[in-house]
Amino acid sequence: MELAAETNLQQPHVLNVMSSMDHEQLVFCQDNQTGLKAIIGIHNTTLGPALGGTRMWAYERLDDAVEDVLRLSRGMTFKASIAGLNLGGGKAVIIGDARSLKNEALLRRFGKFVQSLNGKYITAEDVGMSTRDMEYIHAETSFVTGLPEHLGGSGDPSPVTAYGVYMGMKASAKFAYGSDSLAGKTVLVQGAGHVGSYLIDNLIKEGAKVKVSDIFEDKIQAITRRQPAVEVVPADQVFTTNMDIFAPCALGGILNNDSLAALRCDIVAGGANNQLKSEKIHGQAMLEKGMVYAPDFLINSGGLINVNGELEGYSKEAAMKKAEFIFDVCGSILTEARDTNTFSGNVAIDFAQRRIDAIAGIRTRG
C-alpha cells in the first residue's frame, strides 16, 4: 500500500488514501495568530499510543506535507513494532521554514493541539526541531518526549538513533563483505544534521573513509571543524560519487529513478525515513541492482527506543544497549530477503506486521 505521488486535495480522496494505507486519523491544525499550520497523522494504535516526532519543513505544497505525514506515521508503526515497543505509529509536520518562522508562541499553540488528542499521540523531536522546542511544547501538554535533561527527559535522541544506524550498517557490511568492520570502507553521509553528525563520529572512530554532503553550509562547516578528515561532496554530485556505502540521513524519497540510475554502491544504510520514492518500484530496482538495503525504519529505530525510555524510566546506557538488537535483526532480514529473492524492505514490513496482527488478534478475542 502506497501513497500516490500526487494527492489531489480538490477531491475527497484523502480519506481514500488513508484507507489504502490503513490510517486511523489525520488532524489538520491551524492558528491565525501564530501562523501555525500543522498536520498530525495517527496510523495505528494497536500496540499502544502513537509516538512519533514533529518535523518542521517548508513544504512547497500542502499535498507534499500530507504525503509526508502519512508515510512517516505509517513508518513509525512498523518502527515501533519491529523494535518490540508497546507503541503505535504517529507523526506530525509543521509547515514552514524552521530557521525563520519557529518561535515559542507557535510551538506552544501546537502543544495545545497535541493535548487535545488526550494521549493518543505523543510527540518528540524530528527534523527542524530541538530539545528546546520540546520544552516549549511541553508547556502546554504532557504528551511529549525528548525533553531536556533538566526537565527529567533524555535530551537529544540523535546519539542513539545514529548508533542504531551504525549497528545496521555494520550488519549490512557483514552480510555483503563477510565482516562487520567498516575500516577502510568509503561511506557517504548525506545530511549533516544531528543524526548524520553522530554517525560520522562513529564511522571515523572505526577508521572508515567518510564523505559528507548537505545543502546547509553551516552544517558542513560544523562537521569539518570537528572532523577535518571528512571529504565534502557537493549536493549535486552525491549520486555520482564513488563510495562503498551510502548513508542517507536527510529527507525521504531520495532513492528514485534518477538517483538509482546514477548510484554506485554496495550498501544503502542511513537514518532518513522513507528513503524510497516508491517502495514497490524502487525496492524492486534496488533488488535487481543487487544493492544491500538496510530497512530505514529498522535501523533508525534507536531514537524511538530512546524516547520510549522516558515513558518507562530513562537510562541512556539501557537505550544504547537495546539499540544493539538492530545488528541481529538486520542480519536476519537481509538473509531472509536473499533466500526468498525479496526486497529487504518488504521482509521488514512483514516482520513488523506479524507482531501487530498477533496483538490485534489477542485483543479481539479478549
Protein backbone atom coordinates (compact mmCIF):
# COMPACT_ATOMS: atom_id res chain seq x y z
CA MET A 1 0.00 0.00 0.00
CA GLU A 2 1.50 3.27 -1.08
CA LEU A 3 0.54 6.90 -1.28
CA ALA A 4 0.25 8.19 -4.82
CA ALA A 5 2.87 10.75 -5.89
CA GLU A 6 0.09 13.34 -6.20
CA THR A 7 -2.60 13.69 -3.52
CA ASN A 8 -5.40 15.68 -5.11
CA LEU A 9 -6.90 17.61 -2.24
CA GLN A 10 -9.53 19.12 -4.57
CA GLN A 11 -11.30 15.78 -4.35
CA PRO A 12 -12.48 13.94 -1.25
CA HIS A 13 -9.76 11.36 -1.78
CA VAL A 14 -7.59 11.94 1.28
CA LEU A 15 -9.85 9.54 3.17
CA ASN A 16 -9.41 7.00 0.39
CA VAL A 17 -5.63 7.33 0.65
CA MET A 18 -5.85 6.98 4.43
CA SER A 19 -7.94 3.85 3.95
CA SER A 20 -5.46 2.36 1.48
CA MET A 21 -2.64 2.89 3.98
CA ASP A 22 -4.82 1.81 6.95
CA HIS A 23 -4.58 5.10 8.84
CA GLU A 24 -6.79 5.83 11.83
CA GLN A 25 -6.75 9.62 11.94
CA LEU A 26 -5.42 12.75 10.24
CA VAL A 27 -5.69 16.04 12.15
CA PHE A 28 -5.26 19.42 10.45
CA CYS A 29 -4.23 22.22 12.83
CA GLN A 30 -4.10 25.94 12.09
CA ASP A 31 -3.92 29.12 14.10
CA ASN A 32 -4.05 32.58 12.50
CA GLN A 33 -2.49 34.42 15.42
CA THR A 34 0.74 32.40 15.47
CA GLY A 35 0.72 31.36 11.82
CA LEU A 36 0.73 27.68 12.78
CA LYS A 37 -0.16 25.22 10.05
CA ALA A 38 0.36 21.62 11.10
CA ILE A 39 -0.85 18.09 10.42
CA ILE A 40 -0.85 15.19 12.86
CA GLY A 41 -1.07 11.69 11.40
CA ILE A 42 -2.03 8.68 13.51
CA HIS A 43 -1.54 5.43 11.65
CA ASN A 44 -2.12 2.56 14.07
CA THR A 45 -2.56 2.31 17.84
CA THR A 46 -2.89 -1.47 18.18
CA LEU A 47 0.30 -1.77 20.22
CA GLY A 48 -0.16 1.44 22.20
CA PRO A 49 -0.36 5.23 21.86
CA ALA A 50 1.11 6.67 18.67
CA LEU A 51 4.55 8.14 19.33
CA GLY A 52 6.49 9.99 16.66
CA GLY A 53 8.39 13.21 16.19
CA THR A 54 7.26 16.56 14.88
CA ARG A 55 9.02 17.74 11.73
CA MET A 56 9.12 21.39 10.63
CA TRP A 57 9.78 21.90 6.95
CA ALA A 58 8.98 24.44 4.23
CA TYR A 59 6.86 22.20 2.02
CA GLU A 60 6.15 23.66 -1.40
CA ARG A 61 2.60 22.30 -1.46
CA LEU A 62 0.08 21.17 1.12
CA ASP A 63 -0.14 17.89 -0.78
CA ASP A 64 3.56 17.29 -0.08
CA ALA A 65 3.03 17.79 3.64
CA VAL A 66 0.06 15.40 3.65
CA GLU A 67 2.07 12.77 1.78
CA ASP A 68 4.97 13.14 4.18
CA VAL A 69 2.93 12.85 7.37
CA LEU A 70 1.03 9.82 6.07
CA ARG A 71 4.17 7.97 5.01
CA LEU A 72 6.09 8.95 8.14
CA SER A 73 3.34 7.91 10.57
CA ARG A 74 2.96 4.56 8.80
CA GLY A 75 6.71 4.03 9.09
CA MET A 76 6.53 4.75 12.82
CA THR A 77 4.02 1.93 13.26
CA PHE A 78 6.45 -0.54 11.74
CA LYS A 79 9.39 1.01 13.60
CA ALA A 80 7.74 0.58 17.00
CA SER A 81 6.62 -2.94 16.18
CA ILE A 82 9.97 -4.19 14.90
CA ALA A 83 11.70 -2.66 17.93
CA GLY A 84 9.39 -4.58 20.25
CA LEU A 85 7.90 -1.44 21.79
CA ASN A 86 4.35 -1.08 23.08
CA LEU A 87 3.70 1.95 20.91
CA GLY A 88 1.72 2.81 17.82
CA GLY A 89 2.73 4.93 14.87
CA GLY A 90 2.20 8.66 14.57
CA LYS A 91 3.94 11.71 13.20
CA ALA A 92 3.38 15.44 12.87
CA VAL A 93 4.56 18.08 10.44
CA ILE A 94 4.58 21.84 10.91
CA ILE A 95 4.61 23.67 7.59
CA GLY A 96 7.17 26.46 7.42
CA ASP A 97 10.86 27.34 7.49
CA ALA A 98 12.15 26.37 10.94
CA ARG A 99 15.00 28.86 10.67
CA SER A 100 12.72 31.86 10.29
CA LEU A 101 9.19 31.01 11.46
CA LYS A 102 9.66 28.85 14.53
CA ASN A 103 9.05 30.56 17.87
CA GLU A 104 7.72 29.85 21.35
CA ALA A 105 4.16 31.03 20.63
CA LEU A 106 3.82 28.80 17.56
CA LEU A 107 5.19 25.75 19.35
CA ARG A 108 3.02 26.26 22.40
CA ARG A 109 -0.07 26.55 20.20
CA PHE A 110 0.95 23.28 18.56
CA GLY A 111 1.26 21.79 22.04
CA LYS A 112 -2.39 22.63 22.68
CA PHE A 113 -3.39 20.62 19.62
CA VAL A 114 -1.32 17.66 20.85
CA GLN A 115 -3.01 17.96 24.25
CA SER A 116 -6.44 17.89 22.61
CA LEU A 117 -5.78 14.32 21.47
CA ASN A 118 -5.63 13.21 25.11
CA GLY A 119 -2.60 10.96 24.80
CA LYS A 120 -3.49 9.14 21.60
CA TYR A 121 -0.48 10.91 20.06
CA ILE A 122 2.80 11.60 21.88
CA THR A 123 5.23 13.91 20.11
CA ALA A 124 9.02 14.15 20.06
CA GLU A 125 11.88 15.80 18.17
CA ASP A 126 12.41 15.44 14.42
CA VAL A 127 13.87 17.40 11.50
CA GLY A 128 13.86 21.14 12.18
CA MET A 129 13.18 20.68 15.89
CA SER A 130 15.27 20.58 19.07
CA THR A 131 15.02 19.62 22.72
CA ARG A 132 14.40 23.30 23.48
CA ASP A 133 11.38 23.18 21.16
CA MET A 134 10.09 20.14 23.03
CA GLU A 135 10.30 22.23 26.19
CA TYR A 136 8.00 24.86 24.66
CA ILE A 137 5.53 22.20 23.54
CA HIS A 138 5.69 20.64 27.00
CA ALA A 139 4.43 23.92 28.48
CA GLU A 140 1.02 23.03 27.02
CA THR A 141 0.96 19.23 27.11
CA SER A 142 2.42 16.29 29.00
CA PHE A 143 2.28 14.15 25.86
CA VAL A 144 5.81 14.93 24.70
CA THR A 145 9.14 13.09 24.94
CA GLY A 146 12.68 14.05 24.06
CA LEU A 147 12.65 16.70 26.75
CA PRO A 148 15.83 18.40 28.01
CA GLU A 149 17.64 16.57 30.77
CA HIS A 150 16.94 19.35 33.30
CA LEU A 151 13.24 18.53 32.94
CA GLY A 152 13.88 14.85 33.55
CA GLY A 153 13.97 13.95 29.86
CA SER A 154 16.53 12.09 27.81
CA GLY A 155 17.73 15.10 25.83
CA ASP A 156 18.70 14.79 22.19
CA PRO A 157 17.79 11.27 20.91
CA SER A 158 20.17 11.59 17.95
CA PRO A 159 23.14 9.75 19.52
CA VAL A 160 21.03 6.63 19.99
CA THR A 161 19.48 6.96 16.53
CA ALA A 162 22.93 7.26 14.99
CA TYR A 163 24.20 4.30 16.98
CA GLY A 164 21.35 2.16 15.68
CA VAL A 165 22.12 3.23 12.11
CA TYR A 166 25.75 2.34 12.76
CA MET A 167 24.69 -1.11 14.00
CA GLY A 168 22.56 -1.61 10.87
CA MET A 169 25.43 -0.52 8.66
CA LYS A 170 27.78 -2.98 10.34
CA ALA A 171 25.24 -5.79 9.94
CA SER A 172 24.92 -4.90 6.26
CA ALA A 173 28.71 -4.92 5.87
CA LYS A 174 28.90 -8.37 7.45
CA PHE A 175 26.22 -9.60 5.05
CA ALA A 176 27.84 -8.05 1.97
CA TYR A 177 31.55 -8.42 2.75
CA GLY A 178 31.73 -11.22 5.31
CA SER A 179 33.00 -8.88 8.04
CA ASP A 180 31.24 -6.17 10.04
CA SER A 181 34.34 -3.98 10.03
CA LEU A 182 33.90 -0.60 8.34
CA ALA A 183 37.60 0.25 8.47
CA GLY A 184 38.75 1.41 5.05
CA LYS A 185 35.22 1.49 3.61
CA THR A 186 34.13 4.68 1.89
CA VAL A 187 30.86 5.93 3.37
CA LEU A 188 28.99 8.95 2.03
CA VAL A 189 26.69 10.51 4.63
CA GLN A 190 24.00 12.67 3.05
CA GLY A 191 22.75 15.09 5.68
CA ALA A 192 24.96 16.64 8.34
CA GLY A 193 22.26 17.20 10.94
CA HIS A 194 22.16 15.67 14.40
CA VAL A 195 21.97 12.02 13.32
CA GLY A 196 24.40 12.40 10.43
CA SER A 197 26.89 14.17 12.67
CA TYR A 198 26.90 11.47 15.34
CA LEU A 199 27.03 8.75 12.69
CA ILE A 200 30.13 10.38 11.18
CA ASP A 201 31.81 10.33 14.60
CA ASN A 202 31.17 6.58 14.91
CA LEU A 203 32.49 5.94 11.41
CA ILE A 204 35.64 7.99 11.86
CA LYS A 205 36.35 6.23 15.14
CA GLU A 206 36.23 2.86 13.34
CA GLY A 207 38.52 4.01 10.53
CA ALA A 208 36.05 4.45 7.69
CA LYS A 209 36.75 6.94 4.91
CA VAL A 210 33.90 9.41 5.30
CA LYS A 211 32.37 11.81 2.80
CA VAL A 212 29.57 14.23 3.67
CA SER A 213 27.04 16.34 1.78
CA ASP A 214 24.45 18.83 2.97
CA ILE A 215 22.50 21.75 1.48
CA PHE A 216 23.34 23.91 4.50
CA GLU A 217 26.90 25.26 4.54
CA ASP A 218 26.93 25.94 8.29
CA LYS A 219 26.27 22.26 8.98
CA ILE A 220 29.12 21.24 6.68
CA GLN A 221 31.46 23.65 8.42
CA ALA A 222 30.49 22.30 11.83
CA ILE A 223 31.41 18.79 10.68
CA THR A 224 34.71 19.69 9.03
CA ARG A 225 35.85 21.76 12.01
CA ARG A 226 35.35 18.78 14.28
CA GLN A 227 36.37 16.07 11.81
CA PRO A 228 38.83 17.63 9.32
CA ALA A 229 39.47 14.30 7.56
CA VAL A 230 35.92 14.24 6.18
CA GLU A 231 35.65 14.96 2.44
CA VAL A 232 32.89 17.35 1.36
CA VAL A 233 30.77 16.37 -1.66
CA PRO A 234 28.58 18.99 -3.40
CA ALA A 235 24.88 18.21 -3.13
CA ASP A 236 24.52 17.79 -6.90
CA GLN A 237 27.29 15.18 -7.03
CA VAL A 238 26.09 12.80 -4.31
CA PHE A 239 24.82 10.06 -6.58
CA THR A 240 27.79 10.10 -8.98
CA THR A 241 30.44 9.94 -6.25
CA ASN A 242 32.46 6.78 -5.66
CA MET A 243 31.51 5.04 -2.42
CA ASP A 244 31.02 1.63 -0.86
CA ILE A 245 28.15 2.61 1.42
CA PHE A 246 25.53 5.32 1.01
CA ALA A 247 24.01 6.68 4.23
CA PRO A 248 21.02 8.96 3.52
CA CYS A 249 20.37 10.95 6.71
CA ALA A 250 18.29 13.86 5.41
CA LEU A 251 14.77 13.78 3.96
CA GLY A 252 12.96 10.91 2.30
CA GLY A 253 12.23 10.00 -1.31
CA ILE A 254 15.83 10.35 -2.44
CA LEU A 255 16.02 6.83 -3.93
CA ASN A 256 14.14 7.34 -7.17
CA ASN A 257 14.51 6.64 -10.89
CA ASP A 258 17.21 9.23 -11.46
CA SER A 259 19.28 8.67 -8.33
CA LEU A 260 19.24 4.88 -8.59
CA ALA A 261 20.32 5.06 -12.23
CA ALA A 262 23.42 7.00 -11.15
CA LEU A 263 24.12 5.49 -7.72
CA ARG A 264 27.07 3.11 -7.49
CA CYS A 265 27.43 1.48 -4.09
CA ASP A 266 27.15 -1.91 -2.41
CA ILE A 267 25.06 -0.89 0.59
CA VAL A 268 22.42 1.70 1.45
CA ALA A 269 22.13 2.18 5.21
CA GLY A 270 21.05 5.54 6.58
CA GLY A 271 18.92 7.32 9.14
CA ALA A 272 16.42 9.07 6.84
CA ASN A 273 12.80 7.90 6.86
CA ASN A 274 11.04 6.72 3.68
CA GLN A 275 14.20 6.72 1.60
CA LEU A 276 12.49 5.13 -1.42
CA LYS A 277 10.21 7.33 -3.50
CA SER A 278 8.14 4.21 -4.21
CA GLU A 279 8.53 1.07 -2.12
CA LYS A 280 7.24 -1.09 -4.95
CA ILE A 281 9.08 0.42 -7.92
CA HIS A 282 12.37 1.41 -6.34
CA GLY A 283 12.56 -1.51 -3.95
CA GLN A 284 12.43 -3.80 -6.97
CA ALA A 285 15.03 -1.66 -8.75
CA MET A 286 17.42 -2.00 -5.81
CA LEU A 287 16.84 -5.73 -5.72
CA GLU A 288 17.67 -6.01 -9.42
CA LYS A 289 20.82 -3.90 -8.98
CA GLY A 290 21.99 -6.23 -6.21
CA MET A 291 22.25 -3.45 -3.61
CA VAL A 292 22.06 -4.37 0.05
CA TYR A 293 19.38 -2.20 1.67
CA ALA A 294 19.15 -1.88 5.44
CA PRO A 295 15.45 -1.09 6.06
CA ASP A 296 15.24 2.50 7.26
CA PHE A 297 12.55 2.11 9.90
CA LEU A 298 14.53 -0.73 11.47
CA ILE A 299 17.98 0.80 11.66
CA ASN A 300 16.81 4.30 12.64
CA SER A 301 14.61 2.99 15.46
CA GLY A 302 17.19 3.92 18.11
CA GLY A 303 15.65 7.36 18.53
CA LEU A 304 12.25 5.86 19.25
CA ILE A 305 13.83 3.40 21.67
CA ASN A 306 15.49 6.35 23.39
CA VAL A 307 12.37 8.48 23.87
CA ASN A 308 10.30 5.45 24.82
CA GLY A 309 12.69 5.11 27.72
CA GLU A 310 11.31 8.34 29.16
CA LEU A 311 7.93 6.65 29.50
CA GLU A 312 9.42 3.71 31.41
CA GLY A 313 12.26 5.31 33.41
CA TYR A 314 15.15 6.60 31.37
CA SER A 315 18.68 5.23 31.22
CA LYS A 316 20.95 6.20 28.33
CA GLU A 317 23.05 3.10 28.85
CA ALA A 318 19.94 0.92 28.63
CA ALA A 319 18.78 2.72 25.47
CA MET A 320 22.16 2.24 23.78
CA LYS A 321 22.23 -1.41 24.80
CA LYS A 322 18.72 -2.02 23.50
CA ALA A 323 19.63 -0.41 20.16
CA GLU A 324 22.21 -3.16 19.65
CA PHE A 325 19.34 -5.52 18.75
CA ILE A 326 19.34 -3.81 15.35
CA PHE A 327 22.51 -5.65 14.33
CA ASP A 328 20.99 -9.12 14.72
CA VAL A 329 17.54 -8.28 13.34
CA CYS A 330 19.01 -6.51 10.32
CA GLY A 331 21.22 -9.51 9.58
CA SER A 332 18.26 -11.88 9.82
CA ILE A 333 16.13 -9.74 7.50
CA LEU A 334 18.88 -9.43 4.90
CA THR A 335 19.40 -13.20 4.98
CA GLU A 336 15.69 -13.91 4.55
CA ALA A 337 15.49 -11.38 1.73
CA ARG A 338 18.36 -13.09 -0.08
CA ASP A 339 16.94 -16.58 0.46
CA THR A 340 13.49 -15.58 -0.84
CA ASN A 341 14.70 -13.14 -3.52
CA THR A 342 12.57 -10.46 -1.89
CA PHE A 343 13.33 -6.79 -1.30
CA SER A 344 14.56 -6.42 2.28
CA GLY A 345 12.18 -3.53 3.00
CA ASN A 346 9.20 -5.79 2.29
CA VAL A 347 10.63 -8.51 4.53
CA ALA A 348 10.98 -5.98 7.35
CA ILE A 349 7.40 -4.74 6.91
CA ASP A 350 6.09 -8.31 7.05
CA PHE A 351 8.14 -8.90 10.21
CA ALA A 352 6.62 -5.83 11.88
CA GLN A 353 3.08 -6.52 10.66
CA ARG A 354 3.07 -10.04 12.08
CA ARG A 355 3.50 -8.68 15.61
CA ILE A 356 0.74 -6.11 15.11
CA ASP A 357 -1.64 -8.74 13.74
CA ALA A 358 -0.87 -11.09 16.63
CA ILE A 359 -1.62 -8.45 19.27
CA ALA A 360 -4.75 -7.35 17.41
CA GLY A 361 -5.94 -10.95 17.45
CA ILE A 362 -5.38 -11.25 21.18
CA ARG A 363 -7.36 -8.07 21.87
CA THR A 364 -10.16 -9.16 19.56
CA ARG A 365 -10.51 -12.48 21.35
CA GLY A 366 -10.31 -10.72 24.71
